[in-house]
Amino acid sequence: MVVRVAQYTLDVVDLDLMAGFWSAALGYVVHAGGDGSARLFPPAGEVGAATVWLQGSGTPKRGKNRLHLDLVADGDPADEVRRLIGLGARRADVGQRGDEGFDVLVDPEGNEFCVLHRPPGRP
């Protein structure tokens, strides 16, 4: 028996801002709950993709995330980084050396995530 990632949950302060950013970034559809939360669902027909639950929180993020998303672009990763920055992401310095195979960004509320230069592979 094994488990699989079904959903990524993120505590947010500004639900509308974060739902707009993450739905545009991932191409997901937003279903707002009446309780200060929202669920983001992958496009119809996309099998096996995790959903995202944005959980309203009254407190801002503090410190570096211990768990973050690693995203893979459909096209050129540099183009994707530019697109995400245009949506409201910012570059982040978490101690990278400059020769990594990824770019580190933060979403509009400062949550770190990476855009990989290529899909992860087995050694």
C-alpha atoms as a PDB file:
ATOM      1  CA  MET A   1       0.000   0.000   0.000  1.00  0.00           C
ATOM      2  CA  VAL A   2       1.232   3.531  -0.800  1.00  0.00           C
ATOM      3  CA  VAL A   3      -0.131   7.054  -0.606  1.00  0.00           C
ATOM      4  CA  ARG A   4      -0.056   9.736  -3.281  1.00  0.00           C
ATOM      5  CA  VAL A   5      -0.207  13.506  -3.107  1.00  0.00           C
ATOM      6  CA  ALA A   6      -3.846  14.455  -3.680  1.00  0.00           C
ATOM      7  CA  GLN A   7      -3.888  18.074  -2.612  1.00  0.00           C
ATOM      8  CA  TYR A   8      -1.515  20.863  -1.687  1.00  0.00           C
ATOM      9  CA  THR A   9      -2.894  23.126   1.064  1.00  0.00           C
ATOM     10  CA  LEU A  10      -1.667  26.668   1.492  1.00  0.00           C
ATOM     11  CA  ASP A  11      -2.646  29.072   4.280  1.00  0.00           C
ATOM     12  CA  VAL A  12      -3.298  32.499   2.761  1.00  0.00           C
ATOM     13  CA  VAL A  13      -4.159  35.970   4.006  1.00  0.00           C
ATOM     14  CA  ASP A  14      -5.636  37.434   0.788  1.00  0.00           C
ATOM     15  CA  LEU A  15      -7.771  34.657  -0.682  1.00  0.00           C
ATOM     16  CA  ASP A  16      -8.738  36.528  -3.860  1.00  0.00           C
ATOM     17  CA  LEU A  17      -5.152  37.548  -4.642  1.00  0.00           C
ATOM     18  CA  MET A  18      -3.789  34.053  -4.080  1.00  0.00           C
ATOM     19  CA  ALA A  19      -6.636  32.286  -5.911  1.00  0.00           C
ATOM     20  CA  GLY A  20      -6.043  34.580  -8.879  1.00  0.00           C
ATOM     21  CA  PHE A  21      -2.284  33.989  -8.866  1.00  0.00           C
ATOM     22  CA  TRP A  22      -2.292  30.206  -8.421  1.00  0.00           C
ATOM     23  CA  SER A  23      -5.202  29.560 -10.791  1.00  0.00           C
ATOM     24  CA  ALA A  24      -3.466  31.581 -13.525  1.00  0.00           C
ATOM     25  CA  ALA A  25      -0.068  30.024 -12.774  1.00  0.00           C
ATOM     26  CA  LEU A  26      -1.351  26.439 -12.888  1.00  0.00           C
ATOM     27  CA  GLY A  27      -4.243  26.834 -15.333  1.00  0.00           C
ATOM     28  CA  TYR A  28      -6.619  25.603 -12.615  1.00  0.00           C
ATOM     29  CA  VAL A  29     -10.284  26.437 -12.058  1.00  0.00           C
ATOM     30  CA  VAL A  30     -11.274  28.183  -8.804  1.00  0.00           C
ATOM     31  CA  HIS A  31     -14.228  27.067  -6.700  1.00  0.00           C
ATOM     32  CA  ALA A  32     -14.586  29.455  -3.772  1.00  0.00           C
ATOM     33  CA  GLY A  33     -16.049  28.121  -0.575  1.00  0.00           C
ATOM     34  CA  GLY A  34     -18.279  30.304   1.553  1.00  0.00           C
ATOM     35  CA  ASP A  35     -15.930  29.852   4.486  1.00  0.00           C
ATOM     36  CA  GLY A  36     -12.894  31.929   3.452  1.00  0.00           C
ATOM     37  CA  SER A  37     -11.296  29.106   1.484  1.00  0.00           C
ATOM     38  CA  ALA A  38     -11.066  28.122  -2.160  1.00  0.00           C
ATOM     39  CA  ARG A  39     -10.290  24.921  -4.032  1.00  0.00           C
ATOM     40  CA  LEU A  40      -8.371  24.964  -7.287  1.00  0.00           C
ATOM     41  CA  PHE A  41      -9.017  22.085  -9.645  1.00  0.00           C
ATOM     42  CA  PRO A  42      -6.941  21.029 -12.639  1.00  0.00           C
ATOM     43  CA  PRO A  43      -8.520  21.370 -16.084  1.00  0.00           C
ATOM     44  CA  ALA A  44     -11.079  18.710 -16.985  1.00  0.00           C
ATOM     45  CA  GLY A  45      -9.418  15.625 -18.366  1.00  0.00           C
ATOM     46  CA  GLU A  46      -6.119  16.135 -16.521  1.00  0.00           C
ATOM     47  CA  VAL A  47      -5.837  12.847 -14.646  1.00  0.00           C
ATOM     48  CA  GLY A  48      -3.776  12.456 -11.485  1.00  0.00           C
ATOM     49  CA  ALA A  49      -3.001  16.136 -10.887  1.00  0.00           C
ATOM     50  CA  ALA A  50      -3.249  17.320  -7.290  1.00  0.00           C
ATOM     51  CA  THR A  51      -5.809  19.941  -6.323  1.00  0.00           C
ATOM     52  CA  VAL A  52      -4.874  23.050  -4.334  1.00  0.00           C
ATOM     53  CA  TRP A  53      -6.778  24.193  -1.275  1.00  0.00           C
ATOM     54  CA  LEU A  54      -6.262  27.812  -0.275  1.00  0.00           C
ATOM     55  CA  GLN A  55      -7.167  28.050   3.387  1.00  0.00           C
ATOM     56  CA  GLY A  56      -7.905  31.514   4.739  1.00  0.00           C
ATOM     57  CA  SER A  57      -5.624  32.447   7.611  1.00  0.00           C
ATOM     58  CA  GLY A  58      -5.355  35.587   9.678  1.00  0.00           C
ATOM     59  CA  THR A  59      -1.592  35.388   9.941  1.00  0.00           C
ATOM     60  CA  PRO A  60       1.096  36.120   7.339  1.00  0.00           C
ATOM     61  CA  LYS A  61       3.821  33.620   6.445  1.00  0.00           C
ATOM     62  CA  ARG A  62       6.865  33.610   8.711  1.00  0.00           C
ATOM     63  CA  GLY A  63      10.214  32.144   7.734  1.00  0.00           C
ATOM     64  CA  LYS A  64      11.192  29.831   4.897  1.00  0.00           C
ATOM     65  CA  ASN A  65       8.796  27.100   3.780  1.00  0.00           C
ATOM     66  CA  ARG A  66       9.904  23.623   4.733  1.00  0.00           C
ATOM     67  CA  LEU A  67       7.825  22.165   1.906  1.00  0.00           C
ATOM     68  CA  HIS A  68       7.366  23.792  -1.480  1.00  0.00           C
ATOM     69  CA  LEU A  69       6.188  23.096  -5.010  1.00  0.00           C
ATOM     70  CA  ASP A  70       8.581  22.261  -7.844  1.00  0.00           C
ATOM     71  CA  LEU A  71       6.885  23.194 -11.109  1.00  0.00           C
ATOM     72  CA  VAL A  72       7.755  22.064 -14.640  1.00  0.00           C
ATOM     73  CA  ALA A  73       6.908  24.253 -17.632  1.00  0.00           C
ATOM     74  CA  ASP A  74       5.301  22.980 -20.830  1.00  0.00           C
ATOM     75  CA  GLY A  75       7.796  25.093 -22.784  1.00  0.00           C
ATOM     76  CA  ASP A  76      10.941  27.115 -22.110  1.00  0.00           C
ATOM     77  CA  PRO A  77      11.482  27.451 -18.327  1.00  0.00           C
ATOM     78  CA  ALA A  78      12.865  30.997 -18.723  1.00  0.00           C
ATOM     79  CA  ASP A  79       9.669  32.033 -20.514  1.00  0.00           C
ATOM     80  CA  GLU A  80       7.631  30.454 -17.721  1.00  0.00           C
ATOM     81  CA  VAL A  81       9.591  32.322 -15.050  1.00  0.00           C
ATOM     82  CA  ARG A  82       8.896  35.593 -16.885  1.00  0.00           C
ATOM     83  CA  ARG A  83       5.183  34.706 -17.141  1.00  0.00           C
ATOM     84  CA  LEU A  84       4.960  33.910 -13.420  1.00  0.00           C
ATOM     85  CA  ILE A  85       6.726  37.159 -12.534  1.00  0.00           C
ATOM     86  CA  GLY A  86       4.183  38.955 -14.706  1.00  0.00           C
ATOM     87  CA  LEU A  87       1.428  37.301 -12.636  1.00  0.00           C
ATOM     88  CA  GLY A  88       2.919  38.604  -9.374  1.00  0.00           C
ATOM     89  CA  ALA A  89       5.718  36.193  -8.414  1.00  0.00           C
ATOM     90  CA  ARG A  90       9.173  37.491  -7.469  1.00  0.00           C
ATOM     91  CA  ARG A  91      12.630  35.955  -7.582  1.00  0.00           C
ATOM     92  CA  ALA A  92      13.944  34.763  -4.212  1.00  0.00           C
ATOM     93  CA  ASP A  93      17.387  34.134  -2.816  1.00  0.00           C
ATOM     94  CA  VAL A  94      17.417  31.117  -0.525  1.00  0.00           C
ATOM     95  CA  GLY A  95      21.152  30.549  -0.809  1.00  0.00           C
ATOM     96  CA  GLN A  96      21.417  29.232  -4.346  1.00  0.00           C
ATOM     97  CA  ARG A  97      24.866  29.211  -5.985  1.00  0.00           C
ATOM     98  CA  GLY A  98      23.688  29.994  -9.507  1.00  0.00           C
ATOM     99  CA  ASP A  99      24.333  26.635 -11.146  1.00  0.00           C
ATOM    100  CA  GLU A 100      21.179  24.885  -9.933  1.00  0.00           C
ATOM    101  CA  GLY A 101      18.737  23.363 -12.360  1.00  0.00           C
ATOM    102  CA  PHE A 102      15.874  25.548 -11.127  1.00  0.00           C
ATOM    103  CA  ASP A 103      14.758  29.109 -10.437  1.00  0.00           C
ATOM    104  CA  VAL A 104      13.421  30.017  -6.993  1.00  0.00           C
ATOM    105  CA  LEU A 105      10.398  32.308  -6.890  1.00  0.00           C
ATOM    106  CA  VAL A 106       7.897  33.410  -4.273  1.00  0.00           C
ATOM    107  CA  ASP A 107       4.162  33.900  -4.788  1.00  0.00           C
ATOM    108  CA  PRO A 108       2.479  37.226  -3.863  1.00  0.00           C
ATOM    109  CA  GLU A 109       2.416  36.259  -0.166  1.00  0.00           C
ATOM    110  CA  GLY A 110       6.051  35.119  -0.069  1.00  0.00           C
ATOM    111  CA  ASN A 111       5.666  31.323  -0.351  1.00  0.00           C
ATOM    112  CA  GLU A 112       8.672  29.807  -2.099  1.00  0.00           C
ATOM    113  CA  PHE A 113       8.365  27.558  -5.145  1.00  0.00           C
ATOM    114  CA  CYS A 114      10.726  26.475  -7.896  1.00  0.00           C
ATOM    115  CA  VAL A 115      10.527  26.273 -11.660  1.00  0.00           C
ATOM    116  CA  LEU A 116      12.644  23.297 -12.707  1.00  0.00           C
ATOM    117  CA  HIS A 117      14.731  23.575 -15.874  1.00  0.00           C
ATOM    118  CA  ARG A 118      13.743  20.006 -16.779  1.00  0.00           C
ATOM    119  CA  PRO A 119      11.403  17.385 -15.349  1.00  0.00           C
ATOM    120  CA  PRO A 120      12.850  15.354 -12.484  1.00  0.00           C
ATOM    121  CA  GLY A 121      14.278  12.026 -13.563  1.00  0.00           C
ATOM    122  CA  ARG A 122      15.526   8.894 -11.932  1.00  0.00           C
ATOM    123  CA  PRO A 123      19.288   8.432 -11.634  1.00  0.00           C
END
